[in-house]
Amino acid sequence: MKTHQAKLITGIIASSEKAFLGAEKLLKLKFGPIDYKSKKADFDVTNYYEKEMGAGLMRCFYSFAKLIDPAKLPAIKLKTNSFEKRVARYLKATRRAVNIDPGYITEAKLVLASTKNYYHRILLGRGIFAEITLSFRDGLFRPMEWTYPDYRTDGYIKIFNEVRDIFMRQRLK
């Protein structure tokens, strides 16, 4: 295995099963087989997306069997942004139908991509920023001072620890 490979993950927020399925189909076509899929959970720690996407939002996380080069994160984020638009067109949605947030997991951290700049984010290029959202310390992922509230929950931490375990087994092959 190459030293700088990482485990691609995506968090998907949507309110309809059709939006989830449309996003999942596009993600699998581009990034290959999914090797981890969390259960859908209510996305209710913030109402940030409600104005844009409506109420009753759910979130699900996926990870992919094929490892990635972390340097590809800007291209991946731009591709997932285009997938959001494709799903909305397919569903003939009058507003945003799905939010797809890519990132990656390594032995030491969870990194998320964003189009929004802030003091703790680093510009990777092409208008895409990265932040270390969680660091792996003392046997589990732990939040940073800026970590989103939902990424701090025990449920999300459990998901990311499980995905990290898959990644660590892949590294041994």
C-alpha atoms as a PDB file:
ATOM      1  CA  MET A   1       0.000   0.000   0.000  1.00  0.00           C
ATOM      2  CA  LYS A   2       1.159   3.530  -0.697  1.00  0.00           C
ATOM      3  CA  THR A   3       1.995   5.533   2.396  1.00  0.00           C
ATOM      4  CA  HIS A   4      -0.335   8.432   1.723  1.00  0.00           C
ATOM      5  CA  GLN A   5      -3.559   6.644   0.939  1.00  0.00           C
ATOM      6  CA  ALA A   6      -6.771   7.405   2.764  1.00  0.00           C
ATOM      7  CA  LYS A   7     -10.300   6.069   3.153  1.00  0.00           C
ATOM      8  CA  LEU A   8     -12.866   8.135   1.253  1.00  0.00           C
ATOM      9  CA  ILE A   9     -16.039   8.863   3.176  1.00  0.00           C
ATOM     10  CA  THR A  10     -19.120  10.886   2.336  1.00  0.00           C
ATOM     11  CA  GLY A  11     -21.854  12.196   4.547  1.00  0.00           C
ATOM     12  CA  ILE A  12     -25.176  12.619   2.777  1.00  0.00           C
ATOM     13  CA  ILE A  13     -28.021  14.790   4.019  1.00  0.00           C
ATOM     14  CA  ALA A  14     -31.426  14.537   2.337  1.00  0.00           C
ATOM     15  CA  SER A  15     -35.106  14.289   3.169  1.00  0.00           C
ATOM     16  CA  SER A  16     -36.200  11.740   0.556  1.00  0.00           C
ATOM     17  CA  GLU A  17     -35.198   8.166  -0.162  1.00  0.00           C
ATOM     18  CA  LYS A  18     -35.018   9.036  -3.868  1.00  0.00           C
ATOM     19  CA  ALA A  19     -32.389  11.697  -3.153  1.00  0.00           C
ATOM     20  CA  PHE A  20     -30.325   9.245  -1.089  1.00  0.00           C
ATOM     21  CA  LEU A  21     -30.566   6.589  -3.804  1.00  0.00           C
ATOM     22  CA  GLY A  22     -29.673   9.050  -6.568  1.00  0.00           C
ATOM     23  CA  ALA A  23     -26.614  10.266  -4.680  1.00  0.00           C
ATOM     24  CA  GLU A  24     -25.548   6.724  -3.793  1.00  0.00           C
ATOM     25  CA  LYS A  25     -25.797   5.611  -7.423  1.00  0.00           C
ATOM     26  CA  LEU A  26     -23.617   8.485  -8.647  1.00  0.00           C
ATOM     27  CA  LEU A  27     -21.077   7.963  -5.864  1.00  0.00           C
ATOM     28  CA  LYS A  28     -20.741   4.248  -6.650  1.00  0.00           C
ATOM     29  CA  LEU A  29     -20.335   4.952 -10.357  1.00  0.00           C
ATOM     30  CA  LYS A  30     -17.497   7.402  -9.663  1.00  0.00           C
ATOM     31  CA  PHE A  31     -15.776   5.980  -6.578  1.00  0.00           C
ATOM     32  CA  GLY A  32     -16.565   2.265  -6.742  1.00  0.00           C
ATOM     33  CA  PRO A  33     -18.112  -0.152  -4.277  1.00  0.00           C
ATOM     34  CA  ILE A  34     -19.303   1.016  -0.883  1.00  0.00           C
ATOM     35  CA  ASP A  35     -17.795  -0.991   1.964  1.00  0.00           C
ATOM     36  CA  TYR A  36     -19.587   0.760   4.820  1.00  0.00           C
ATOM     37  CA  LYS A  37     -23.021   2.360   5.005  1.00  0.00           C
ATOM     38  CA  SER A  38     -24.391   3.731   8.254  1.00  0.00           C
ATOM     39  CA  LYS A  39     -28.034   3.728   9.182  1.00  0.00           C
ATOM     40  CA  LYS A  40     -29.882   6.922   8.384  1.00  0.00           C
ATOM     41  CA  ALA A  41     -30.278   9.183  11.398  1.00  0.00           C
ATOM     42  CA  ASP A  42     -32.232  12.361  11.999  1.00  0.00           C
ATOM     43  CA  PHE A  43     -30.189  15.432  11.153  1.00  0.00           C
ATOM     44  CA  ASP A  44     -31.522  17.584  13.966  1.00  0.00           C
ATOM     45  CA  VAL A  45     -28.536  19.145  15.720  1.00  0.00           C
ATOM     46  CA  THR A  46     -28.905  22.274  13.597  1.00  0.00           C
ATOM     47  CA  ASN A  47     -31.480  23.790  11.255  1.00  0.00           C
ATOM     48  CA  TYR A  48     -28.714  25.167   9.001  1.00  0.00           C
ATOM     49  CA  TYR A  49     -29.955  23.320   5.881  1.00  0.00           C
ATOM     50  CA  GLU A  50     -33.726  23.534   6.482  1.00  0.00           C
ATOM     51  CA  LYS A  51     -34.238  26.813   4.617  1.00  0.00           C
ATOM     52  CA  GLU A  52     -32.404  25.419   1.606  1.00  0.00           C
ATOM     53  CA  MET A  53     -33.518  21.774   1.776  1.00  0.00           C
ATOM     54  CA  GLY A  54     -36.678  21.619   3.885  1.00  0.00           C
ATOM     55  CA  ALA A  55     -37.507  19.842   7.129  1.00  0.00           C
ATOM     56  CA  GLY A  56     -37.238  16.185   8.063  1.00  0.00           C
ATOM     57  CA  LEU A  57     -33.606  15.833   7.033  1.00  0.00           C
ATOM     58  CA  MET A  58     -31.684  12.605   7.566  1.00  0.00           C
ATOM     59  CA  ARG A  59     -27.959  11.837   7.347  1.00  0.00           C
ATOM     60  CA  CYS A  60     -26.113   8.722   6.283  1.00  0.00           C
ATOM     61  CA  PHE A  61     -22.384   8.011   5.929  1.00  0.00           C
ATOM     62  CA  TYR A  62     -20.657   5.869   3.314  1.00  0.00           C
ATOM     63  CA  SER A  63     -17.095   4.711   2.871  1.00  0.00           C
ATOM     64  CA  PHE A  64     -15.618   3.230  -0.266  1.00  0.00           C
ATOM     65  CA  ALA A  65     -13.546   0.096  -0.786  1.00  0.00           C
ATOM     66  CA  LYS A  66     -10.991   1.790  -3.015  1.00  0.00           C
ATOM     67  CA  LEU A  67      -8.464   3.924  -1.149  1.00  0.00           C
ATOM     68  CA  ILE A  68      -7.699   7.416  -2.442  1.00  0.00           C
ATOM     69  CA  ASP A  69      -4.816   9.830  -2.649  1.00  0.00           C
ATOM     70  CA  PRO A  70      -5.727  12.620  -0.165  1.00  0.00           C
ATOM     71  CA  ALA A  71      -4.410  15.183  -2.661  1.00  0.00           C
ATOM     72  CA  LYS A  72      -7.474  14.365  -4.795  1.00  0.00           C
ATOM     73  CA  LEU A  73      -9.872  15.817  -2.190  1.00  0.00           C
ATOM     74  CA  PRO A  74     -10.500  19.101  -4.096  1.00  0.00           C
ATOM     75  CA  ALA A  75     -11.454  17.199  -7.268  1.00  0.00           C
ATOM     76  CA  ILE A  76     -13.656  14.861  -5.227  1.00  0.00           C
ATOM     77  CA  LYS A  77     -15.460  17.791  -3.557  1.00  0.00           C
ATOM     78  CA  LEU A  78     -16.054  19.476  -6.916  1.00  0.00           C
ATOM     79  CA  LYS A  79     -17.424  16.188  -8.278  1.00  0.00           C
ATOM     80  CA  THR A  80     -19.773  15.694  -5.325  1.00  0.00           C
ATOM     81  CA  ASN A  81     -20.993  19.292  -5.753  1.00  0.00           C
ATOM     82  CA  SER A  82     -21.862  18.428  -9.362  1.00  0.00           C
ATOM     83  CA  PHE A  83     -23.659  15.276  -8.135  1.00  0.00           C
ATOM     84  CA  GLU A  84     -25.837  17.434  -5.873  1.00  0.00           C
ATOM     85  CA  LYS A  85     -26.973  19.414  -8.921  1.00  0.00           C
ATOM     86  CA  ARG A  86     -27.567  16.240 -10.954  1.00  0.00           C
ATOM     87  CA  VAL A  87     -29.748  14.704  -8.237  1.00  0.00           C
ATOM     88  CA  ALA A  88     -31.790  17.922  -7.971  1.00  0.00           C
ATOM     89  CA  ARG A  89     -32.308  17.973 -11.764  1.00  0.00           C
ATOM     90  CA  TYR A  90     -33.237  14.282 -11.800  1.00  0.00           C
ATOM     91  CA  LEU A  91     -35.806  14.814  -9.040  1.00  0.00           C
ATOM     92  CA  LYS A  92     -37.008  18.049 -10.682  1.00  0.00           C
ATOM     93  CA  ALA A  93     -36.441  19.675  -7.304  1.00  0.00           C
ATOM     94  CA  THR A  94     -37.081  23.380  -6.934  1.00  0.00           C
ATOM     95  CA  ARG A  95     -34.446  23.546  -4.210  1.00  0.00           C
ATOM     96  CA  ARG A  96     -31.400  21.608  -3.078  1.00  0.00           C
ATOM     97  CA  ALA A  97     -32.332  17.935  -2.743  1.00  0.00           C
ATOM     98  CA  VAL A  98     -29.146  16.496  -1.281  1.00  0.00           C
ATOM     99  CA  ASN A  99     -25.958  17.607   0.447  1.00  0.00           C
ATOM    100  CA  ILE A 100     -22.885  15.442  -0.124  1.00  0.00           C
ATOM    101  CA  ASP A 101     -19.883  16.117   2.084  1.00  0.00           C
ATOM    102  CA  PRO A 102     -16.730  14.177   1.202  1.00  0.00           C
ATOM    103  CA  GLY A 103     -13.718  13.665   3.370  1.00  0.00           C
ATOM    104  CA  TYR A 104     -11.247  11.006   4.275  1.00  0.00           C
ATOM    105  CA  ILE A 105     -10.036   8.976   7.201  1.00  0.00           C
ATOM    106  CA  THR A 106      -6.430   8.058   7.894  1.00  0.00           C
ATOM    107  CA  GLU A 107      -4.809   6.347  10.837  1.00  0.00           C
ATOM    108  CA  ALA A 108      -4.633   9.697  12.644  1.00  0.00           C
ATOM    109  CA  LYS A 109      -7.543  11.876  11.535  1.00  0.00           C
ATOM    110  CA  LEU A 110     -10.827  12.606   9.793  1.00  0.00           C
ATOM    111  CA  VAL A 111     -10.514  15.419   7.241  1.00  0.00           C
ATOM    112  CA  LEU A 112     -13.531  17.103   5.639  1.00  0.00           C
ATOM    113  CA  ALA A 113     -13.663  19.205   2.482  1.00  0.00           C
ATOM    114  CA  SER A 114     -15.545  22.500   2.333  1.00  0.00           C
ATOM    115  CA  THR A 115     -16.127  25.410  -0.008  1.00  0.00           C
ATOM    116  CA  LYS A 116     -16.260  27.746   2.993  1.00  0.00           C
ATOM    117  CA  ASN A 117     -13.129  29.406   4.343  1.00  0.00           C
ATOM    118  CA  TYR A 118     -12.586  29.857   8.066  1.00  0.00           C
ATOM    119  CA  TYR A 119      -9.625  30.330  10.416  1.00  0.00           C
ATOM    120  CA  HIS A 120      -9.073  26.598  10.934  1.00  0.00           C
ATOM    121  CA  ARG A 121      -9.332  25.581   7.266  1.00  0.00           C
ATOM    122  CA  ILE A 122      -6.557  25.323   4.728  1.00  0.00           C
ATOM    123  CA  LEU A 123      -7.023  26.124   1.051  1.00  0.00           C
ATOM    124  CA  LEU A 124      -6.208  23.052  -1.016  1.00  0.00           C
ATOM    125  CA  GLY A 125      -6.945  24.691  -4.354  1.00  0.00           C
ATOM    126  CA  ARG A 126      -9.815  25.242  -6.772  1.00  0.00           C
ATOM    127  CA  GLY A 127     -11.840  26.957  -4.019  1.00  0.00           C
ATOM    128  CA  ILE A 128     -11.789  23.891  -1.774  1.00  0.00           C
ATOM    129  CA  PHE A 129     -10.662  23.994   1.846  1.00  0.00           C
ATOM    130  CA  ALA A 130      -9.876  21.159   4.256  1.00  0.00           C
ATOM    131  CA  GLU A 131     -10.176  20.862   7.991  1.00  0.00           C
ATOM    132  CA  ILE A 132      -9.121  18.218  10.448  1.00  0.00           C
ATOM    133  CA  THR A 133     -12.476  17.521  12.072  1.00  0.00           C
ATOM    134  CA  LEU A 134     -11.474  14.663  14.374  1.00  0.00           C
ATOM    135  CA  SER A 135      -8.111  13.381  15.546  1.00  0.00           C
ATOM    136  CA  PHE A 136      -7.455   9.804  16.627  1.00  0.00           C
ATOM    137  CA  ARG A 137      -6.015   9.802  20.148  1.00  0.00           C
ATOM    138  CA  ASP A 138      -6.017   7.278  22.980  1.00  0.00           C
ATOM    139  CA  GLY A 139      -7.864   4.660  20.939  1.00  0.00           C
ATOM    140  CA  LEU A 140     -10.696   6.688  19.417  1.00  0.00           C
ATOM    141  CA  PHE A 141     -11.594   9.742  17.406  1.00  0.00           C
ATOM    142  CA  ARG A 142     -11.830  12.954  19.388  1.00  0.00           C
ATOM    143  CA  PRO A 143     -13.243  16.346  18.374  1.00  0.00           C
ATOM    144  CA  MET A 144     -11.327  19.527  17.786  1.00  0.00           C
ATOM    145  CA  GLU A 145     -12.449  22.883  19.198  1.00  0.00           C
ATOM    146  CA  TRP A 146     -14.229  23.658  15.862  1.00  0.00           C
ATOM    147  CA  THR A 147     -15.784  20.237  15.252  1.00  0.00           C
ATOM    148  CA  TYR A 148     -19.450  20.418  14.249  1.00  0.00           C
ATOM    149  CA  PRO A 149     -21.835  19.390  17.084  1.00  0.00           C
ATOM    150  CA  ASP A 150     -23.121  16.296  15.263  1.00  0.00           C
ATOM    151  CA  TYR A 151     -19.567  15.067  14.566  1.00  0.00           C
ATOM    152  CA  ARG A 152     -18.986  15.203  18.344  1.00  0.00           C
ATOM    153  CA  THR A 153     -21.792  12.741  19.144  1.00  0.00           C
ATOM    154  CA  ASP A 154     -21.075   9.217  20.328  1.00  0.00           C
ATOM    155  CA  GLY A 155     -23.032   7.826  17.366  1.00  0.00           C
ATOM    156  CA  TYR A 156     -20.905   9.604  14.769  1.00  0.00           C
ATOM    157  CA  ILE A 157     -17.669   8.838  16.622  1.00  0.00           C
ATOM    158  CA  LYS A 158     -18.647   5.148  16.594  1.00  0.00           C
ATOM    159  CA  ILE A 159     -19.214   5.285  12.811  1.00  0.00           C
ATOM    160  CA  PHE A 160     -15.845   6.910  12.158  1.00  0.00           C
ATOM    161  CA  ASN A 161     -14.043   4.459  14.440  1.00  0.00           C
ATOM    162  CA  GLU A 162     -15.651   1.571  12.500  1.00  0.00           C
ATOM    163  CA  VAL A 163     -14.583   3.069   9.171  1.00  0.00           C
ATOM    164  CA  ARG A 164     -11.080   3.599  10.536  1.00  0.00           C
ATOM    165  CA  ASP A 165     -10.986  -0.083  11.542  1.00  0.00           C
ATOM    166  CA  ILE A 166     -11.826  -1.045   7.943  1.00  0.00           C
ATOM    167  CA  PHE A 167      -9.069   1.260   6.701  1.00  0.00           C
ATOM    168  CA  MET A 168      -6.529  -0.191   9.122  1.00  0.00           C
ATOM    169  CA  ARG A 169      -7.345  -3.753   7.962  1.00  0.00           C
ATOM    170  CA  GLN A 170      -6.919  -2.612   4.335  1.00  0.00           C
ATOM    171  CA  ARG A 171      -3.474  -1.269   5.172  1.00  0.00           C
ATOM    172  CA  LEU A 172      -2.393  -4.739   6.271  1.00  0.00           C
ATOM    173  CA  LYS A 173      -3.165  -6.285   2.873  1.00  0.00           C
END
